[in-house]
């Protein structure tokens, strides 16, 4: 953890986090709330945890609705379940305008801020839905991904209904694509039709 910037190191010391093992008792969401821990520090810590074979604590129940365990683990082993929870916690940490819900029996991140009136069948609050049916990789499905394409490179799929996705095979793949996910969510939040 020595490679971190001084503010991040001070934040960890103040929180009595002096080892990666101690860090594993924290969720990414709670860690992101420490003064001095920014997105760069979170990315560095995730990489260090990966290299050490450790994982962050699962997502807290304090943000949004708790995912029912079966929405993640029906098609996944515990390692994959922990990865999904880590991904959700990270994405929730990107904005207070995002909350966790369940869509189509899967975890989904939705926009909870002001929005123009819309038909419920348009799912305009849905940012990203996890598709976990494939045991070899999961898909992060951006329901309105077509509107992100002019700003974001790397989204997969060309579905006529506007869906685009990011495939994640494992934790290493997640860490490679974390910047793409962050950019897609940030772009989604800037293009939402706010009220």
C-alpha atoms as a PDB file:
ATOM      1  CA  UNK A   1       0.000   0.000   0.000  1.00  0.00           C
ATOM      2  CA  UNK A   2       3.107   2.213  -0.028  1.00  0.00           C
ATOM      3  CA  UNK A   3       2.596   3.125  -3.708  1.00  0.00           C
ATOM      4  CA  UNK A   4      -0.537   5.114  -2.850  1.00  0.00           C
ATOM      5  CA  UNK A   5      -0.564   8.898  -2.791  1.00  0.00           C
ATOM      6  CA  UNK A   6      -0.017  10.512   0.620  1.00  0.00           C
ATOM      7  CA  UNK A   7      -3.709  11.458   1.198  1.00  0.00           C
ATOM      8  CA  UNK A   8      -4.779   7.848   0.580  1.00  0.00           C
ATOM      9  CA  UNK A   9      -2.069   6.518   2.905  1.00  0.00           C
ATOM     10  CA  UNK A  10      -3.181   8.945   5.638  1.00  0.00           C
ATOM     11  CA  UNK A  11      -6.809   7.854   5.165  1.00  0.00           C
ATOM     12  CA  UNK A  12      -5.856   4.193   5.614  1.00  0.00           C
ATOM     13  CA  UNK A  13      -3.760   4.960   8.690  1.00  0.00           C
ATOM     14  CA  UNK A  14      -6.622   6.983  10.224  1.00  0.00           C
ATOM     15  CA  UNK A  15      -8.975   4.045   9.606  1.00  0.00           C
ATOM     16  CA  UNK A  16      -6.410   1.648  11.169  1.00  0.00           C
ATOM     17  CA  UNK A  17      -5.943  -0.231   7.901  1.00  0.00           C
ATOM     18  CA  UNK A  18      -2.307  -1.307   7.985  1.00  0.00           C
ATOM     19  CA  UNK A  19      -2.322  -4.400   5.754  1.00  0.00           C
ATOM     20  CA  UNK A  20      -4.145  -5.930   2.816  1.00  0.00           C
ATOM     21  CA  UNK A  21      -5.688  -8.442   5.235  1.00  0.00           C
ATOM     22  CA  UNK A  22      -7.160  -5.549   7.233  1.00  0.00           C
ATOM     23  CA  UNK A  23      -8.328  -3.993   3.957  1.00  0.00           C
ATOM     24  CA  UNK A  24     -10.253  -7.176   3.142  1.00  0.00           C
ATOM     25  CA  UNK A  25     -12.573  -6.343   6.064  1.00  0.00           C
ATOM     26  CA  UNK A  26     -13.775  -3.266   4.165  1.00  0.00           C
ATOM     27  CA  UNK A  27     -16.179  -3.011   1.230  1.00  0.00           C
ATOM     28  CA  UNK A  28     -15.205  -0.860  -1.743  1.00  0.00           C
ATOM     29  CA  UNK A  29     -18.228   1.319  -1.057  1.00  0.00           C
ATOM     30  CA  UNK A  30     -17.218   2.044   2.551  1.00  0.00           C
ATOM     31  CA  UNK A  31     -13.587   2.522   1.573  1.00  0.00           C
ATOM     32  CA  UNK A  32     -14.561   5.086  -1.075  1.00  0.00           C
ATOM     33  CA  UNK A  33     -16.196   7.213   1.626  1.00  0.00           C
ATOM     34  CA  UNK A  34     -12.876   7.776   3.448  1.00  0.00           C
ATOM     35  CA  UNK A  35     -11.484  11.272   2.950  1.00  0.00           C
ATOM     36  CA  UNK A  36      -8.379  10.890   0.812  1.00  0.00           C
ATOM     37  CA  UNK A  37      -9.446   7.720  -1.005  1.00  0.00           C
ATOM     38  CA  UNK A  38     -10.266   8.594  -4.591  1.00  0.00           C
ATOM     39  CA  UNK A  39     -10.853   6.550  -7.703  1.00  0.00           C
ATOM     40  CA  UNK A  40      -7.132   6.215  -8.449  1.00  0.00           C
ATOM     41  CA  UNK A  41      -6.455   4.844  -4.966  1.00  0.00           C
ATOM     42  CA  UNK A  42      -9.408   2.445  -5.276  1.00  0.00           C
ATOM     43  CA  UNK A  43      -8.063   1.116  -8.561  1.00  0.00           C
ATOM     44  CA  UNK A  44      -4.562   0.681  -7.081  1.00  0.00           C
ATOM     45  CA  UNK A  45      -5.946  -1.099  -4.024  1.00  0.00           C
ATOM     46  CA  UNK A  46      -8.076  -3.406  -6.176  1.00  0.00           C
ATOM     47  CA  UNK A  47      -4.981  -4.369  -8.158  1.00  0.00           C
ATOM     48  CA  UNK A  48      -2.983  -5.028  -4.974  1.00  0.00           C
ATOM     49  CA  UNK A  49      -5.802  -7.145  -3.544  1.00  0.00           C
ATOM     50  CA  UNK A  50      -5.969  -9.147  -6.792  1.00  0.00           C
ATOM     51  CA  UNK A  51      -2.217  -9.768  -6.749  1.00  0.00           C
ATOM     52  CA  UNK A  52      -2.430 -10.896  -3.107  1.00  0.00           C
ATOM     53  CA  UNK A  53      -5.364 -13.213  -3.838  1.00  0.00           C
ATOM     54  CA  UNK A  54      -7.643 -11.267  -1.483  1.00  0.00           C
ATOM     55  CA  UNK A  55     -11.088  -9.735  -1.935  1.00  0.00           C
ATOM     56  CA  UNK A  56     -12.960  -6.822  -0.467  1.00  0.00           C
ATOM     57  CA  UNK A  57     -15.869  -7.372   1.897  1.00  0.00           C
ATOM     58  CA  UNK A  58     -19.213  -7.833   0.153  1.00  0.00           C
ATOM     59  CA  UNK A  59     -21.463  -4.862  -0.524  1.00  0.00           C
ATOM     60  CA  UNK A  60     -23.055  -3.187   2.487  1.00  0.00           C
ATOM     61  CA  UNK A  61     -26.766  -3.263   3.103  1.00  0.00           C
ATOM     62  CA  UNK A  62     -26.730   0.476   3.703  1.00  0.00           C
ATOM     63  CA  UNK A  63     -27.023   1.447   0.025  1.00  0.00           C
ATOM     64  CA  UNK A  64     -30.311   0.789  -1.729  1.00  0.00           C
ATOM     65  CA  UNK A  65     -32.027  -2.549  -1.672  1.00  0.00           C
ATOM     66  CA  UNK A  66     -30.103  -5.646  -0.715  1.00  0.00           C
ATOM     67  CA  UNK A  67     -29.675  -8.169  -3.504  1.00  0.00           C
ATOM     68  CA  UNK A  68     -31.242 -11.489  -2.764  1.00  0.00           C
ATOM     69  CA  UNK A  69     -28.373 -13.959  -2.647  1.00  0.00           C
ATOM     70  CA  UNK A  70     -29.940 -16.200  -5.266  1.00  0.00           C
ATOM     71  CA  UNK A  71     -29.867 -13.469  -7.939  1.00  0.00           C
ATOM     72  CA  UNK A  72     -26.087 -13.778  -7.970  1.00  0.00           C
ATOM     73  CA  UNK A  73     -25.271 -17.296  -6.864  1.00  0.00           C
ATOM     74  CA  UNK A  74     -27.766 -19.382  -8.856  1.00  0.00           C
ATOM     75  CA  UNK A  75     -25.330 -19.481 -11.763  1.00  0.00           C
ATOM     76  CA  UNK A  76     -22.131 -18.725  -9.915  1.00  0.00           C
ATOM     77  CA  UNK A  77     -19.634 -20.089  -7.476  1.00  0.00           C
ATOM     78  CA  UNK A  78     -18.651 -18.080  -4.409  1.00  0.00           C
ATOM     79  CA  UNK A  79     -15.662 -16.489  -6.183  1.00  0.00           C
ATOM     80  CA  UNK A  80     -17.903 -15.186  -8.912  1.00  0.00           C
ATOM     81  CA  UNK A  81     -20.440 -14.025  -6.340  1.00  0.00           C
ATOM     82  CA  UNK A  82     -17.740 -12.022  -4.570  1.00  0.00           C
ATOM     83  CA  UNK A  83     -16.666 -10.504  -7.886  1.00  0.00           C
ATOM     84  CA  UNK A  84     -20.234  -9.433  -8.674  1.00  0.00           C
ATOM     85  CA  UNK A  85     -20.556  -7.874  -5.234  1.00  0.00           C
ATOM     86  CA  UNK A  86     -17.224  -6.082  -5.666  1.00  0.00           C
ATOM     87  CA  UNK A  87     -18.317  -4.754  -9.066  1.00  0.00           C
ATOM     88  CA  UNK A  88     -21.636  -3.541  -7.691  1.00  0.00           C
ATOM     89  CA  UNK A  89     -19.975  -1.827  -4.743  1.00  0.00           C
ATOM     90  CA  UNK A  90     -17.529  -0.067  -7.045  1.00  0.00           C
ATOM     91  CA  UNK A  91     -20.264   1.122  -9.408  1.00  0.00           C
ATOM     92  CA  UNK A  92     -22.402   2.353  -6.506  1.00  0.00           C
ATOM     93  CA  UNK A  93     -19.421   4.356  -5.268  1.00  0.00           C
ATOM     94  CA  UNK A  94     -19.342   6.342  -8.526  1.00  0.00           C
ATOM     95  CA  UNK A  95     -22.436   8.423  -7.760  1.00  0.00           C
ATOM     96  CA  UNK A  96     -25.089   8.976  -5.117  1.00  0.00           C
ATOM     97  CA  UNK A  97     -27.604   9.016  -7.994  1.00  0.00           C
ATOM     98  CA  UNK A  98     -27.215   5.256  -8.464  1.00  0.00           C
ATOM     99  CA  UNK A  99     -28.988   2.592  -6.448  1.00  0.00           C
ATOM    100  CA  UNK A 100     -29.221  -1.168  -6.536  1.00  0.00           C
ATOM    101  CA  UNK A 101     -32.412  -2.930  -7.588  1.00  0.00           C
ATOM    102  CA  UNK A 102     -33.361  -6.278  -9.091  1.00  0.00           C
ATOM    103  CA  UNK A 103     -34.434  -6.470 -12.737  1.00  0.00           C
ATOM    104  CA  UNK A 104     -35.311  -9.688 -14.550  1.00  0.00           C
ATOM    105  CA  UNK A 105     -34.039 -11.663 -11.521  1.00  0.00           C
ATOM    106  CA  UNK A 106     -30.636  -9.984 -11.779  1.00  0.00           C
ATOM    107  CA  UNK A 107     -28.823  -7.186  -9.980  1.00  0.00           C
ATOM    108  CA  UNK A 108     -29.295  -3.845 -11.714  1.00  0.00           C
ATOM    109  CA  UNK A 109     -28.075  -0.327 -11.126  1.00  0.00           C
ATOM    110  CA  UNK A 110     -30.665   2.371 -11.684  1.00  0.00           C
ATOM    111  CA  UNK A 111     -30.734   6.154 -11.658  1.00  0.00           C
ATOM    112  CA  UNK A 112     -32.570   7.547  -8.625  1.00  0.00           C
ATOM    113  CA  UNK A 113     -32.427  11.264  -9.475  1.00  0.00           C
ATOM    114  CA  UNK A 114     -34.906  13.589 -11.184  1.00  0.00           C
ATOM    115  CA  UNK A 115     -35.938  12.493 -14.669  1.00  0.00           C
ATOM    116  CA  UNK A 116     -38.368  13.574 -17.392  1.00  0.00           C
ATOM    117  CA  UNK A 117     -41.662  11.623 -17.365  1.00  0.00           C
ATOM    118  CA  UNK A 118     -41.527   8.443 -19.472  1.00  0.00           C
ATOM    119  CA  UNK A 119     -43.424   5.256 -20.233  1.00  0.00           C
ATOM    120  CA  UNK A 120     -42.421   2.567 -17.696  1.00  0.00           C
ATOM    121  CA  UNK A 121     -41.758   0.122 -20.560  1.00  0.00           C
ATOM    122  CA  UNK A 122     -38.894   2.349 -21.744  1.00  0.00           C
ATOM    123  CA  UNK A 123     -36.810   1.579 -18.620  1.00  0.00           C
ATOM    124  CA  UNK A 124     -35.194   5.011 -18.743  1.00  0.00           C
ATOM    125  CA  UNK A 125     -33.917   4.747 -15.149  1.00  0.00           C
ATOM    126  CA  UNK A 126     -32.022   1.513 -15.833  1.00  0.00           C
ATOM    127  CA  UNK A 127     -28.294   2.112 -16.245  1.00  0.00           C
ATOM    128  CA  UNK A 128     -26.848  -1.395 -16.288  1.00  0.00           C
ATOM    129  CA  UNK A 129     -28.223  -4.889 -15.654  1.00  0.00           C
ATOM    130  CA  UNK A 130     -26.042  -7.902 -14.855  1.00  0.00           C
ATOM    131  CA  UNK A 131     -26.608 -10.941 -17.079  1.00  0.00           C
ATOM    132  CA  UNK A 132     -25.202 -13.934 -15.195  1.00  0.00           C
ATOM    133  CA  UNK A 133     -26.586 -16.932 -17.102  1.00  0.00           C
ATOM    134  CA  UNK A 134     -23.330 -17.784 -18.901  1.00  0.00           C
ATOM    135  CA  UNK A 135     -20.954 -19.530 -16.446  1.00  0.00           C
ATOM    136  CA  UNK A 136     -17.876 -18.517 -18.478  1.00  0.00           C
ATOM    137  CA  UNK A 137     -18.527 -14.766 -18.548  1.00  0.00           C
ATOM    138  CA  UNK A 138     -21.033 -12.228 -17.367  1.00  0.00           C
ATOM    139  CA  UNK A 139     -22.419  -9.309 -19.321  1.00  0.00           C
ATOM    140  CA  UNK A 140     -23.045  -5.803 -18.079  1.00  0.00           C
ATOM    141  CA  UNK A 141     -25.972  -4.753 -20.233  1.00  0.00           C
ATOM    142  CA  UNK A 142     -26.488  -1.037 -20.781  1.00  0.00           C
ATOM    143  CA  UNK A 143     -30.178  -0.864 -21.725  1.00  0.00           C
ATOM    144  CA  UNK A 144     -29.728   2.490 -23.502  1.00  0.00           C
ATOM    145  CA  UNK A 145     -26.138   1.862 -24.557  1.00  0.00           C
ATOM    146  CA  UNK A 146     -26.647   3.170 -28.083  1.00  0.00           C
ATOM    147  CA  UNK A 147     -26.659   6.731 -26.753  1.00  0.00           C
ATOM    148  CA  UNK A 148     -23.216   6.140 -25.209  1.00  0.00           C
ATOM    149  CA  UNK A 149     -21.515   4.956 -28.407  1.00  0.00           C
ATOM    150  CA  UNK A 150     -20.632   8.400 -29.739  1.00  0.00           C
ATOM    151  CA  UNK A 151     -18.736   9.124 -26.502  1.00  0.00           C
ATOM    152  CA  UNK A 152     -17.439   5.687 -25.409  1.00  0.00           C
ATOM    153  CA  UNK A 153     -15.320   3.209 -27.368  1.00  0.00           C
ATOM    154  CA  UNK A 154     -15.337  -0.498 -26.459  1.00  0.00           C
ATOM    155  CA  UNK A 155     -19.012  -1.304 -25.910  1.00  0.00           C
ATOM    156  CA  UNK A 156     -20.060  -4.632 -27.437  1.00  0.00           C
ATOM    157  CA  UNK A 157     -23.155  -5.638 -29.406  1.00  0.00           C
ATOM    158  CA  UNK A 158     -25.323  -3.855 -31.938  1.00  0.00           C
ATOM    159  CA  UNK A 159     -28.828  -4.723 -30.743  1.00  0.00           C
ATOM    160  CA  UNK A 160     -31.653  -2.995 -32.611  1.00  0.00           C
ATOM    161  CA  UNK A 161     -33.318  -2.049 -29.320  1.00  0.00           C
ATOM    162  CA  UNK A 162     -30.259   0.015 -28.330  1.00  0.00           C
ATOM    163  CA  UNK A 163     -28.654  -2.363 -25.822  1.00  0.00           C
ATOM    164  CA  UNK A 164     -24.881  -2.469 -25.614  1.00  0.00           C
ATOM    165  CA  UNK A 165     -22.747  -4.499 -23.227  1.00  0.00           C
ATOM    166  CA  UNK A 166     -19.404  -5.121 -21.617  1.00  0.00           C
ATOM    167  CA  UNK A 167     -18.352  -8.751 -21.115  1.00  0.00           C
ATOM    168  CA  UNK A 168     -16.418  -9.702 -17.973  1.00  0.00           C
ATOM    169  CA  UNK A 169     -14.719 -13.130 -17.737  1.00  0.00           C
ATOM    170  CA  UNK A 170     -13.070 -12.897 -14.326  1.00  0.00           C
ATOM    171  CA  UNK A 171     -11.626 -10.451 -11.802  1.00  0.00           C
ATOM    172  CA  UNK A 172      -8.550  -9.740 -13.894  1.00  0.00           C
ATOM    173  CA  UNK A 173     -10.773  -8.906 -16.871  1.00  0.00           C
ATOM    174  CA  UNK A 174     -12.899  -6.686 -14.612  1.00  0.00           C
ATOM    175  CA  UNK A 175      -9.829  -4.722 -13.541  1.00  0.00           C
ATOM    176  CA  UNK A 176      -8.836  -4.270 -17.195  1.00  0.00           C
ATOM    177  CA  UNK A 177     -12.299  -2.965 -18.065  1.00  0.00           C
ATOM    178  CA  UNK A 178     -13.037  -0.967 -14.921  1.00  0.00           C
ATOM    179  CA  UNK A 179     -12.195   2.339 -16.643  1.00  0.00           C
ATOM    180  CA  UNK A 180     -14.568   1.490 -19.512  1.00  0.00           C
ATOM    181  CA  UNK A 181     -17.355   0.712 -17.026  1.00  0.00           C
ATOM    182  CA  UNK A 182     -16.674   3.933 -15.120  1.00  0.00           C
ATOM    183  CA  UNK A 183     -16.699   5.970 -18.349  1.00  0.00           C
ATOM    184  CA  UNK A 184     -19.938   4.340 -19.551  1.00  0.00           C
ATOM    185  CA  UNK A 185     -21.720   5.070 -16.262  1.00  0.00           C
ATOM    186  CA  UNK A 186     -20.418   8.653 -16.156  1.00  0.00           C
ATOM    187  CA  UNK A 187     -21.572   9.184 -19.752  1.00  0.00           C
ATOM    188  CA  UNK A 188     -24.975   7.639 -18.974  1.00  0.00           C
ATOM    189  CA  UNK A 189     -25.408  10.084 -16.074  1.00  0.00           C
ATOM    190  CA  UNK A 190     -24.552  13.068 -18.270  1.00  0.00           C
ATOM    191  CA  UNK A 191     -26.980  12.031 -21.025  1.00  0.00           C
ATOM    192  CA  UNK A 192     -29.993  11.167 -18.846  1.00  0.00           C
ATOM    193  CA  UNK A 193     -33.064  13.338 -19.496  1.00  0.00           C
ATOM    194  CA  UNK A 194     -33.182  15.083 -16.149  1.00  0.00           C
ATOM    195  CA  UNK A 195     -36.304  16.858 -14.976  1.00  0.00           C
END
